[in-house]
Amino acid sequence: MLSILHRLSGIALTIGFLLLVTGLVAIATGSSGYARAVRLSSSAPGKILLFFILAAFGYHGSACRRWLSCRSSSGLAGAGALSVLRVALGA
Protein backbone atom coordinates (compact mmCIF):
# COMPACT_ATOMS: atom_id res chain seq x y z
CA MET A 1 0.00 0.00 0.00
CA LEU A 2 2.81 2.42 0.84
CA SER A 3 4.52 1.78 -2.47
CA ILE A 4 1.35 2.65 -4.37
CA LEU A 5 0.88 5.87 -2.37
CA HIS A 6 4.53 6.77 -2.94
CA ARG A 7 4.11 6.33 -6.69
CA LEU A 8 0.85 8.30 -6.72
CA SER A 9 2.47 11.14 -4.81
CA GLY A 10 5.33 11.10 -7.32
CA ILE A 11 2.83 11.41 -10.17
CA ALA A 12 1.10 14.27 -8.35
CA LEU A 13 4.46 16.02 -7.92
CA THR A 14 5.18 15.65 -11.64
CA ILE A 15 1.82 17.17 -12.54
CA GLY A 16 2.37 19.92 -9.97
CA PHE A 17 5.80 20.68 -11.40
CA LEU A 18 4.34 20.95 -14.90
CA LEU A 19 1.66 23.33 -13.60
CA LEU A 20 4.32 25.38 -11.85
CA VAL A 21 6.37 25.66 -15.02
CA THR A 22 3.25 26.62 -16.98
CA GLY A 23 2.52 29.34 -14.44
CA LEU A 24 6.08 30.64 -14.58
CA VAL A 25 5.93 30.79 -18.37
CA ALA A 26 2.63 32.70 -18.12
CA ILE A 27 4.22 35.13 -15.67
CA ALA A 28 7.20 35.62 -17.99
CA THR A 29 4.93 36.57 -20.90
CA GLY A 30 3.88 39.83 -19.27
CA SER A 31 1.46 41.52 -16.95
CA SER A 32 -1.63 39.79 -18.36
CA GLY A 33 -0.04 36.37 -17.77
CA TYR A 34 0.93 37.42 -14.26
CA ALA A 35 -2.61 38.57 -13.52
CA ARG A 36 -4.02 35.29 -14.82
CA ALA A 37 -1.56 33.22 -12.75
CA VAL A 38 -2.38 35.21 -9.60
CA ARG A 39 -6.12 34.90 -10.25
CA LEU A 40 -5.89 31.13 -10.73
CA SER A 41 -3.63 30.51 -7.73
CA SER A 42 -5.80 32.66 -5.42
CA SER A 43 -9.05 30.97 -6.38
CA ALA A 44 -10.48 28.24 -4.15
CA PRO A 45 -9.65 25.39 -6.58
CA GLY A 46 -6.15 26.81 -7.02
CA LYS A 47 -5.56 26.89 -3.26
CA ILE A 48 -6.87 23.35 -2.89
CA LEU A 49 -4.58 22.19 -5.70
CA LEU A 50 -1.59 23.90 -4.08
CA PHE A 51 -2.45 22.26 -0.75
CA PHE A 52 -2.55 18.79 -2.31
CA ILE A 53 0.70 19.37 -4.17
CA LEU A 54 2.40 20.39 -0.91
CA ALA A 55 0.88 17.39 0.87
CA ALA A 56 2.17 15.09 -1.89
CA PHE A 57 5.61 16.67 -1.54
CA GLY A 58 5.62 16.08 2.22
CA TYR A 59 4.40 12.50 1.94
CA HIS A 60 6.78 11.64 -0.89
CA GLY A 61 9.76 12.99 1.04
CA SER A 62 8.86 11.23 4.28
CA ALA A 63 8.21 7.93 2.48
CA CYS A 64 11.60 8.22 0.83
CA ARG A 65 13.32 8.84 4.16
CA ARG A 66 11.41 5.94 5.73
CA TRP A 67 12.46 3.61 2.91
CA LEU A 68 16.10 4.68 3.17
CA SER A 69 16.01 4.24 6.93
CA CYS A 70 14.56 0.74 6.72
CA ARG A 71 16.97 -0.24 4.00
CA SER A 72 20.04 1.01 5.86
CA SER A 73 19.02 -0.61 9.16
CA SER A 74 18.49 -4.00 7.52
CA GLY A 75 22.03 -4.11 6.16
CA LEU A 76 20.93 -3.96 2.52
CA ALA A 77 22.21 -0.46 1.88
CA GLY A 78 25.54 0.37 0.47
CA ALA A 79 27.58 3.42 1.37
CA GLY A 80 25.72 5.50 -1.24
CA ALA A 81 22.28 4.95 0.26
CA LEU A 82 23.59 5.63 3.75
CA SER A 83 25.09 8.92 2.57
CA VAL A 84 21.78 9.92 1.00
CA LEU A 85 20.03 9.06 4.27
CA ARG A 86 22.43 11.25 6.27
CA VAL A 87 21.90 14.18 3.91
CA ALA A 88 18.10 13.72 3.90
CA LEU A 89 17.93 13.65 7.68
CA GLY A 90 20.43 16.47 8.09
CA ALA A 91 22.81 14.36 10.16
PDB file of N, CA and C in Angstrom:
ATOM      1  N   MET A   1       0.818  -1.187   0.000  1.00  0.00           N
ATOM      2  CA  MET A   1       0.000   0.000   0.000  1.00  0.00           C
ATOM      3  C   MET A   1       0.865   1.255   0.000  1.00  0.00           C
ATOM      4  N   LEU A   2       1.949   1.251   0.786  1.00  0.00           N
ATOM      5  CA  LEU A   2       2.808   2.423   0.844  1.00  0.00           C
ATOM      6  C   LEU A   2       3.508   2.674  -0.485  1.00  0.00           C
ATOM      7  N   SER A   3       3.860   1.615  -1.183  1.00  0.00           N
ATOM      8  CA  SER A   3       4.518   1.778  -2.468  1.00  0.00           C
ATOM      9  C   SER A   3       3.581   2.441  -3.473  1.00  0.00           C
ATOM     10  N   ILE A   4       2.321   2.055  -3.444  1.00  0.00           N
ATOM     11  CA  ILE A   4       1.347   2.652  -4.367  1.00  0.00           C
ATOM     12  C   ILE A   4       1.159   4.128  -4.047  1.00  0.00           C
ATOM     13  N   LEU A   5       1.041   4.467  -2.755  1.00  0.00           N
ATOM     14  CA  LEU A   5       0.880   5.868  -2.374  1.00  0.00           C
ATOM     15  C   LEU A   5       2.117   6.687  -2.728  1.00  0.00           C
ATOM     16  N   HIS A   6       3.289   6.074  -2.585  1.00  0.00           N
ATOM     17  CA  HIS A   6       4.530   6.765  -2.941  1.00  0.00           C
ATOM     18  C   HIS A   6       4.554   7.063  -4.442  1.00  0.00           C
ATOM     19  N   ARG A   7       4.143   6.112  -5.239  1.00  0.00           N
ATOM     20  CA  ARG A   7       4.109   6.328  -6.688  1.00  0.00           C
ATOM     21  C   ARG A   7       3.060   7.362  -7.076  1.00  0.00           C
ATOM     22  N   LEU A   8       1.893   7.310  -6.428  1.00  0.00           N
ATOM     23  CA  LEU A   8       0.853   8.299  -6.721  1.00  0.00           C
ATOM     24  C   LEU A   8       1.296   9.704  -6.325  1.00  0.00           C
ATOM     25  N   SER A   9       1.988   9.818  -5.201  1.00  0.00           N
ATOM     26  CA  SER A   9       2.468  11.141  -4.808  1.00  0.00           C
ATOM     27  C   SER A   9       3.549  11.630  -5.766  1.00  0.00           C
ATOM     28  N   GLY A  10       4.347  10.718  -6.313  1.00  0.00           N
ATOM     29  CA  GLY A  10       5.332  11.100  -7.320  1.00  0.00           C
ATOM     30  C   GLY A  10       4.669  11.600  -8.593  1.00  0.00           C
ATOM     31  N   ILE A  11       3.580  10.958  -8.985  1.00  0.00           N
ATOM     32  CA  ILE A  11       2.832  11.411 -10.173  1.00  0.00           C
ATOM     33  C   ILE A  11       2.222  12.781  -9.904  1.00  0.00           C
ATOM     34  N   ALA A  12       1.675  12.972  -8.705  1.00  0.00           N
ATOM     35  CA  ALA A  12       1.095  14.271  -8.349  1.00  0.00           C
ATOM     36  C   ALA A  12       2.164  15.357  -8.362  1.00  0.00           C
ATOM     37  N   LEU A  13       3.368  15.040  -7.897  1.00  0.00           N
ATOM     38  CA  LEU A  13       4.455  16.018  -7.922  1.00  0.00           C
ATOM     39  C   LEU A  13       4.864  16.359  -9.348  1.00  0.00           C
ATOM     40  N   THR A  14       4.850  15.383 -10.236  1.00  0.00           N
ATOM     41  CA  THR A  14       5.176  15.646 -11.636  1.00  0.00           C
ATOM     42  C   THR A  14       4.149  16.577 -12.262  1.00  0.00           C
ATOM     43  N   ILE A  15       2.883  16.303 -12.006  1.00  0.00           N
ATOM     44  CA  ILE A  15       1.825  17.165 -12.536  1.00  0.00           C
ATOM     45  C   ILE A  15       1.934  18.567 -11.925  1.00  0.00           C
ATOM     46  N   GLY A  16       2.199  18.635 -10.634  1.00  0.00           N
ATOM     47  CA  GLY A  16       2.367  19.925  -9.971  1.00  0.00           C
ATOM     48  C   GLY A  16       3.541  20.706 -10.521  1.00  0.00           C
ATOM     49  N   PHE A  17       4.636  20.013 -10.821  1.00  0.00           N
ATOM     50  CA  PHE A  17       5.804  20.680 -11.403  1.00  0.00           C
ATOM     51  C   PHE A  17       5.466  21.238 -12.776  1.00  0.00           C
ATOM     52  N   LEU A  18       4.734  20.465 -13.574  1.00  0.00           N
ATOM     53  CA  LEU A  18       4.342  20.950 -14.900  1.00  0.00           C
ATOM     54  C   LEU A  18       3.427  22.170 -14.790  1.00  0.00           C
ATOM     55  N   LEU A  19       2.519  22.166 -13.819  1.00  0.00           N
ATOM     56  CA  LEU A  19       1.664  23.329 -13.601  1.00  0.00           C
ATOM     57  C   LEU A  19       2.469  24.533 -13.141  1.00  0.00           C
ATOM     58  N   LEU A  20       3.455  24.297 -12.303  1.00  0.00           N
ATOM     59  CA  LEU A  20       4.319  25.382 -11.846  1.00  0.00           C
ATOM     60  C   LEU A  20       5.085  26.000 -13.010  1.00  0.00           C
ATOM     61  N   VAL A  21       5.642  25.162 -13.864  1.00  0.00           N
ATOM     62  CA  VAL A  21       6.372  25.665 -15.024  1.00  0.00           C
ATOM     63  C   VAL A  21       5.440  26.425 -15.957  1.00  0.00           C
ATOM     64  N   THR A  22       4.230  25.921 -16.146  1.00  0.00           N
ATOM     65  CA  THR A  22       3.250  26.619 -16.979  1.00  0.00           C
ATOM     66  C   THR A  22       2.930  27.995 -16.399  1.00  0.00           C
ATOM     67  N   GLY A  23       2.771  28.063 -15.092  1.00  0.00           N
ATOM     68  CA  GLY A  23       2.518  29.342 -14.436  1.00  0.00           C
ATOM     69  C   GLY A  23       3.684  30.300 -14.564  1.00  0.00           C
ATOM     70  N   LEU A  24       4.904  29.787 -14.435  1.00  0.00           N
ATOM     71  CA  LEU A  24       6.081  30.641 -14.578  1.00  0.00           C
ATOM     72  C   LEU A  24       6.226  31.167 -15.996  1.00  0.00           C
ATOM     73  N   VAL A  25       5.904  30.333 -16.975  1.00  0.00           N
ATOM     74  CA  VAL A  25       5.931  30.794 -18.370  1.00  0.00           C
ATOM     75  C   VAL A  25       4.873  31.872 -18.588  1.00  0.00           C
ATOM     76  N   ALA A  26       3.688  31.693 -18.000  1.00  0.00           N
ATOM     77  CA  ALA A  26       2.634  32.703 -18.122  1.00  0.00           C
ATOM     78  C   ALA A  26       3.065  34.012 -17.482  1.00  0.00           C
ATOM     79  N   ILE A  27       3.733  33.930 -16.342  1.00  0.00           N
ATOM     80  CA  ILE A  27       4.222  35.135 -15.674  1.00  0.00           C
ATOM     81  C   ILE A  27       5.284  35.827 -16.529  1.00  0.00           C
ATOM     82  N   ALA A  28       6.129  35.052 -17.170  1.00  0.00           N
ATOM     83  CA  ALA A  28       7.200  35.620 -17.991  1.00  0.00           C
ATOM     84  C   ALA A  28       6.678  36.287 -19.253  1.00  0.00           C
ATOM     85  N   THR A  29       5.458  35.970 -19.674  1.00  0.00           N
ATOM     86  CA  THR A  29       4.925  36.567 -20.899  1.00  0.00           C
ATOM     87  C   THR A  29       4.487  38.005 -20.702  1.00  0.00           C
ATOM     88  N   GLY A  30       4.260  38.434 -19.484  1.00  0.00           N
ATOM     89  CA  GLY A  30       3.879  39.827 -19.273  1.00  0.00           C
ATOM     90  C   GLY A  30       2.874  39.993 -18.157  1.00  0.00           C
ATOM     91  N   SER A  31       2.360  41.197 -18.061  1.00  0.00           N
ATOM     92  CA  SER A  31       1.462  41.520 -16.946  1.00  0.00           C
ATOM     93  C   SER A  31       0.129  40.780 -17.034  1.00  0.00           C
ATOM     94  N   SER A  32      -0.358  40.522 -18.256  1.00  0.00           N
ATOM     95  CA  SER A  32      -1.627  39.786 -18.359  1.00  0.00           C
ATOM     96  C   SER A  32      -1.456  38.335 -17.907  1.00  0.00           C
ATOM     97  N   GLY A  33      -0.321  37.730 -18.231  1.00  0.00           N
ATOM     98  CA  GLY A  33      -0.038  36.368 -17.767  1.00  0.00           C
ATOM     99  C   GLY A  33       0.127  36.320 -16.263  1.00  0.00           C
ATOM    100  N   TYR A  34       0.770  37.349 -15.709  1.00  0.00           N
ATOM    101  CA  TYR A  34       0.931  37.424 -14.259  1.00  0.00           C
ATOM    102  C   TYR A  34      -0.429  37.540 -13.574  1.00  0.00           C
ATOM    103  N   ALA A  35      -1.284  38.400 -14.104  1.00  0.00           N
ATOM    104  CA  ALA A  35      -2.614  38.571 -13.520  1.00  0.00           C
ATOM    105  C   ALA A  35      -3.419  37.281 -13.582  1.00  0.00           C
ATOM    106  N   ARG A  36      -3.304  36.561 -14.684  1.00  0.00           N
ATOM    107  CA  ARG A  36      -4.021  35.289 -14.821  1.00  0.00           C
ATOM    108  C   ARG A  36      -3.492  34.258 -13.832  1.00  0.00           C
ATOM    109  N   ALA A  37      -2.154  34.190 -13.677  1.00  0.00           N
ATOM    110  CA  ALA A  37      -1.561  33.225 -12.747  1.00  0.00           C
ATOM    111  C   ALA A  37      -1.957  33.539 -11.311  1.00  0.00           C
ATOM    112  N   VAL A  38      -1.980  34.822 -10.957  1.00  0.00           N
ATOM    113  CA  VAL A  38      -2.385  35.212  -9.599  1.00  0.00           C
ATOM    114  C   VAL A  38      -3.858  34.887  -9.375  1.00  0.00           C
ATOM    115  N   ARG A  39      -4.674  35.171 -10.373  1.00  0.00           N
ATOM    116  CA  ARG A  39      -6.116  34.899 -10.246  1.00  0.00           C
ATOM    117  C   ARG A  39      -6.374  33.398 -10.066  1.00  0.00           C
ATOM    118  N   LEU A  40      -5.683  32.581 -10.836  1.00  0.00           N
ATOM    119  CA  LEU A  40      -5.893  31.129 -10.730  1.00  0.00           C
ATOM    120  C   LEU A  40      -5.365  30.575  -9.412  1.00  0.00           C
ATOM    121  N   SER A  41      -4.201  31.058  -8.960  1.00  0.00           N
ATOM    122  CA  SER A  41      -3.634  30.509  -7.726  1.00  0.00           C
ATOM    123  C   SER A  41      -4.352  31.026  -6.487  1.00  0.00           C
ATOM    124  N   SER A  42      -5.057  32.177  -6.591  1.00  0.00           N
ATOM    125  CA  SER A  42      -5.800  32.661  -5.423  1.00  0.00           C
ATOM    126  C   SER A  42      -7.239  32.200  -5.380  1.00  0.00           C
ATOM    127  N   SER A  43      -7.686  31.508  -6.404  1.00  0.00           N
ATOM    128  CA  SER A  43      -9.049  30.973  -6.375  1.00  0.00           C
ATOM    129  C   SER A  43      -9.108  29.760  -5.445  1.00  0.00           C
ATOM    130  N   ALA A  44     -10.311  29.385  -5.058  1.00  0.00           N
ATOM    131  CA  ALA A  44     -10.475  28.237  -4.146  1.00  0.00           C
ATOM    132  C   ALA A  44      -9.924  26.941  -4.751  1.00  0.00           C
ATOM    133  N   PRO A  45     -10.238  26.608  -6.024  1.00  0.00           N
ATOM    134  CA  PRO A  45      -9.648  25.388  -6.583  1.00  0.00           C
ATOM    135  C   PRO A  45      -8.118  25.464  -6.680  1.00  0.00           C
ATOM    136  N   GLY A  46      -7.599  26.656  -6.952  1.00  0.00           N
ATOM    137  CA  GLY A  46      -6.150  26.812  -7.018  1.00  0.00           C
ATOM    138  C   GLY A  46      -5.490  26.582  -5.676  1.00  0.00           C
ATOM    139  N   LYS A  47      -6.103  27.093  -4.606  1.00  0.00           N
ATOM    140  CA  LYS A  47      -5.556  26.889  -3.264  1.00  0.00           C
ATOM    141  C   LYS A  47      -5.639  25.428  -2.849  1.00  0.00           C
ATOM    142  N   ILE A  48      -6.733  24.775  -3.203  1.00  0.00           N
ATOM    143  CA  ILE A  48      -6.871  23.347  -2.894  1.00  0.00           C
ATOM    144  C   ILE A  48      -5.815  22.542  -3.641  1.00  0.00           C
ATOM    145  N   LEU A  49      -5.599  22.882  -4.908  1.00  0.00           N
ATOM    146  CA  LEU A  49      -4.577  22.195  -5.704  1.00  0.00           C
ATOM    147  C   LEU A  49      -3.190  22.400  -5.105  1.00  0.00           C
ATOM    148  N   LEU A  50      -2.878  23.630  -4.713  1.00  0.00           N
ATOM    149  CA  LEU A  50      -1.587  23.897  -4.080  1.00  0.00           C
ATOM    150  C   LEU A  50      -1.433  23.124  -2.768  1.00  0.00           C
ATOM    151  N   PHE A  51      -2.512  23.022  -1.995  1.00  0.00           N
ATOM    152  CA  PHE A  51      -2.453  22.261  -0.749  1.00  0.00           C
ATOM    153  C   PHE A  51      -2.124  20.794  -1.029  1.00  0.00           C
ATOM    154  N   PHE A  52      -2.798  20.195  -2.019  1.00  0.00           N
ATOM    155  CA  PHE A  52      -2.555  18.785  -2.311  1.00  0.00           C
ATOM    156  C   PHE A  52      -1.160  18.552  -2.889  1.00  0.00           C
ATOM    157  N   ILE A  53      -0.660  19.507  -3.650  1.00  0.00           N
ATOM    158  CA  ILE A  53       0.702  19.368  -4.173  1.00  0.00           C
ATOM    159  C   ILE A  53       1.709  19.417  -3.022  1.00  0.00           C
ATOM    160  N   LEU A  54       1.509  20.332  -2.077  1.00  0.00           N
ATOM    161  CA  LEU A  54       2.401  20.394  -0.914  1.00  0.00           C
ATOM    162  C   LEU A  54       2.275  19.149  -0.045  1.00  0.00           C
ATOM    163  N   ALA A  55       1.064  18.629   0.102  1.00  0.00           N
ATOM    164  CA  ALA A  55       0.877  17.392   0.870  1.00  0.00           C
ATOM    165  C   ALA A  55       1.574  16.220   0.182  1.00  0.00           C
ATOM    166  N   ALA A  56       1.490  16.160  -1.151  1.00  0.00           N
ATOM    167  CA  ALA A  56       2.174  15.094  -1.891  1.00  0.00           C
ATOM    168  C   ALA A  56       3.676  15.219  -1.731  1.00  0.00           C
ATOM    169  N   PHE A  57       4.175  16.452  -1.729  1.00  0.00           N
ATOM    170  CA  PHE A  57       5.610  16.670  -1.542  1.00  0.00           C
ATOM    171  C   PHE A  57       6.056  16.182  -0.169  1.00  0.00           C
ATOM    172  N   GLY A  58       5.282  16.527   0.863  1.00  0.00           N
ATOM    173  CA  GLY A  58       5.617  16.081   2.217  1.00  0.00           C
ATOM    174  C   GLY A  58       5.562  14.577   2.359  1.00  0.00           C
ATOM    175  N   TYR A  59       4.518  13.959   1.828  1.00  0.00           N
ATOM    176  CA  TYR A  59       4.396  12.504   1.939  1.00  0.00           C
ATOM    177  C   TYR A  59       5.507  11.803   1.157  1.00  0.00           C
ATOM    178  N   HIS A  60       5.775  12.278  -0.046  1.00  0.00           N
ATOM    179  CA  HIS A  60       6.781  11.637  -0.889  1.00  0.00           C
ATOM    180  C   HIS A  60       8.156  11.700  -0.219  1.00  0.00           C
ATOM    181  N   GLY A  61       8.471  12.847   0.358  1.00  0.00           N
ATOM    182  CA  GLY A  61       9.756  12.988   1.044  1.00  0.00           C
ATOM    183  C   GLY A  61       9.860  12.113   2.273  1.00  0.00           C
ATOM    184  N   SER A  62       8.803  12.054   3.071  1.00  0.00           N
ATOM    185  CA  SER A  62       8.860  11.229   4.278  1.00  0.00           C
ATOM    186  C   SER A  62       8.876   9.745   3.936  1.00  0.00           C
ATOM    187  N   ALA A  63       8.174   9.342   2.887  1.00  0.00           N
ATOM    188  CA  ALA A  63       8.207   7.932   2.480  1.00  0.00           C
ATOM    189  C   ALA A  63       9.595   7.552   1.975  1.00  0.00           C
ATOM    190  N   CYS A  64      10.239   8.482   1.305  1.00  0.00           N
ATOM    191  CA  CYS A  64      11.599   8.216   0.825  1.00  0.00           C
ATOM    192  C   CYS A  64      12.559   8.051   2.002  1.00  0.00           C
ATOM    193  N   ARG A  65      12.451   8.947   2.984  1.00  0.00           N
ATOM    194  CA  ARG A  65      13.324   8.836   4.159  1.00  0.00           C
ATOM    195  C   ARG A  65      13.031   7.554   4.937  1.00  0.00           C
ATOM    196  N   ARG A  66      11.767   7.182   5.034  1.00  0.00           N
ATOM    197  CA  ARG A  66      11.413   5.941   5.732  1.00  0.00           C
ATOM    198  C   ARG A  66      11.999   4.735   5.015  1.00  0.00           C
ATOM    199  N   TRP A  67      11.919   4.726   3.681  1.00  0.00           N
ATOM    200  CA  TRP A  67      12.455   3.612   2.909  1.00  0.00           C
ATOM    201  C   TRP A  67      13.974   3.535   3.076  1.00  0.00           C
ATOM    202  N   LEU A  68      14.647   4.691   3.010  1.00  0.00           N
ATOM    203  CA  LEU A  68      16.103   4.679   3.174  1.00  0.00           C
ATOM    204  C   LEU A  68      16.492   4.229   4.575  1.00  0.00           C
ATOM    205  N   SER A  69      15.717   4.637   5.567  1.00  0.00           N
ATOM    206  CA  SER A  69      16.007   4.243   6.935  1.00  0.00           C
ATOM    207  C   SER A  69      15.852   2.733   7.118  1.00  0.00           C
ATOM    208  N   CYS A  70      14.780   2.177   6.615  1.00  0.00           N
ATOM    209  CA  CYS A  70      14.559   0.735   6.724  1.00  0.00           C
ATOM    210  C   CYS A  70      15.620  -0.039   5.968  1.00  0.00           C
ATOM    211  N   ARG A  71      15.978   0.448   4.810  1.00  0.00           N
ATOM    212  CA  ARG A  71      16.969  -0.243   3.998  1.00  0.00           C
ATOM    213  C   ARG A  71      18.348  -0.204   4.657  1.00  0.00           C
ATOM    214  N   SER A  72      18.710   0.928   5.257  1.00  0.00           N
ATOM    215  CA  SER A  72      20.039   1.013   5.863  1.00  0.00           C
ATOM    216  C   SER A  72      20.106   0.222   7.166  1.00  0.00           C
ATOM    217  N   SER A  73      18.994   0.132   7.902  1.00  0.00           N
ATOM    218  CA  SER A  73      19.024  -0.608   9.160  1.00  0.00           C
ATOM    219  C   SER A  73      18.997  -2.118   8.947  1.00  0.00           C
ATOM    220  N   SER A  74      18.543  -2.562   7.765  1.00  0.00           N
ATOM    221  CA  SER A  74      18.493  -4.000   7.520  1.00  0.00           C
ATOM    222  C   SER A  74      19.789  -4.537   6.928  1.00  0.00           C
ATOM    223  N   GLY A  75      20.755  -3.673   6.695  1.00  0.00           N
ATOM    224  CA  GLY A  75      22.033  -4.107   6.156  1.00  0.00           C
ATOM    225  C   GLY A  75      22.055  -4.247   4.653  1.00  0.00           C
ATOM    226  N   LEU A  76      20.988  -3.843   3.969  1.00  0.00           N
ATOM    227  CA  LEU A  76      20.934  -3.965   2.518  1.00  0.00           C
ATOM    228  C   LEU A  76      21.522  -2.759   1.802  1.00  0.00           C
ATOM    229  N   ALA A  77      21.761  -1.695   2.527  1.00  0.00           N
ATOM    230  CA  ALA A  77      22.207  -0.461   1.884  1.00  0.00           C
ATOM    231  C   ALA A  77      23.716  -0.437   1.728  1.00  0.00           C
ATOM    232  N   GLY A  78      24.127   0.135   0.665  1.00  0.00           N
ATOM    233  CA  GLY A  78      25.539   0.373   0.466  1.00  0.00           C
ATOM    234  C   GLY A  78      25.904   1.720   1.045  1.00  0.00           C
ATOM    235  N   ALA A  79      27.121   2.137   0.837  1.00  0.00           N
ATOM    236  CA  ALA A  79      27.581   3.419   1.365  1.00  0.00           C
ATOM    237  C   ALA A  79      26.827   4.575   0.718  1.00  0.00           C
ATOM    238  N   GLY A  80      26.432   4.421  -0.544  1.00  0.00           N
ATOM    239  CA  GLY A  80      25.721   5.496  -1.241  1.00  0.00           C
ATOM    240  C   GLY A  80      24.371   5.785  -0.625  1.00  0.00           C
ATOM    241  N   ALA A  81      23.607   4.746  -0.320  1.00  0.00           N
ATOM    242  CA  ALA A  81      22.276   4.952   0.265  1.00  0.00           C
ATOM    243  C   ALA A  81      22.384   5.515   1.668  1.00  0.00           C
ATOM    244  N   LEU A  82      23.397   5.106   2.409  1.00  0.00           N
ATOM    245  CA  LEU A  82      23.587   5.630   3.750  1.00  0.00           C
ATOM    246  C   LEU A  82      23.957   7.103   3.717  1.00  0.00           C
ATOM    247  N   SER A  83      24.753   7.508   2.726  1.00  0.00           N
ATOM    248  CA  SER A  83      25.091   8.922   2.572  1.00  0.00           C
ATOM    249  C   SER A  83      23.866   9.739   2.229  1.00  0.00           C
ATOM    250  N   VAL A  84      23.015   9.222   1.359  1.00  0.00           N
ATOM    251  CA  VAL A  84      21.779   9.924   0.998  1.00  0.00           C
ATOM    252  C   VAL A  84      20.891  10.060   2.229  1.00  0.00           C
ATOM    253  N   LEU A  85      20.832   9.025   3.050  1.00  0.00           N
ATOM    254  CA  LEU A  85      20.027   9.062   4.267  1.00  0.00           C
ATOM    255  C   LEU A  85      20.549  10.137   5.216  1.00  0.00           C
ATOM    256  N   ARG A  86      21.862  10.232   5.365  1.00  0.00           N
ATOM    257  CA  ARG A  86      22.434  11.247   6.267  1.00  0.00           C
ATOM    258  C   ARG A  86      22.117  12.657   5.771  1.00  0.00           C
ATOM    259  N   VAL A  87      22.207  12.867   4.469  1.00  0.00           N
ATOM    260  CA  VAL A  87      21.901  14.182   3.912  1.00  0.00           C
ATOM    261  C   VAL A  87      20.420  14.486   4.068  1.00  0.00           C
ATOM    262  N   ALA A  88      19.544  13.501   3.813  1.00  0.00           N
ATOM    263  CA  ALA A  88      18.099  13.716   3.897  1.00  0.00           C
ATOM    264  C   ALA A  88      17.664  14.031   5.319  1.00  0.00           C
ATOM    265  N   LEU A  89      18.304  13.428   6.288  1.00  0.00           N
ATOM    266  CA  LEU A  89      17.935  13.652   7.683  1.00  0.00           C
ATOM    267  C   LEU A  89      18.705  14.805   8.314  1.00  0.00           C
ATOM    268  N   GLY A  90      19.665  15.346   7.581  1.00  0.00           N
ATOM    269  CA  GLY A  90      20.429  16.469   8.091  1.00  0.00           C
ATOM    270  C   GLY A  90      21.423  16.067   9.158  1.00  0.00           C
ATOM    271  N   ALA A  91      21.857  14.826   9.138  1.00  0.00           N
ATOM    272  CA  ALA A  91      22.805  14.361  10.159  1.00  0.00           C
ATOM    273  C   ALA A  91      24.242  14.590   9.747  1.00  0.00           C
TER     274      ALA A  91
END
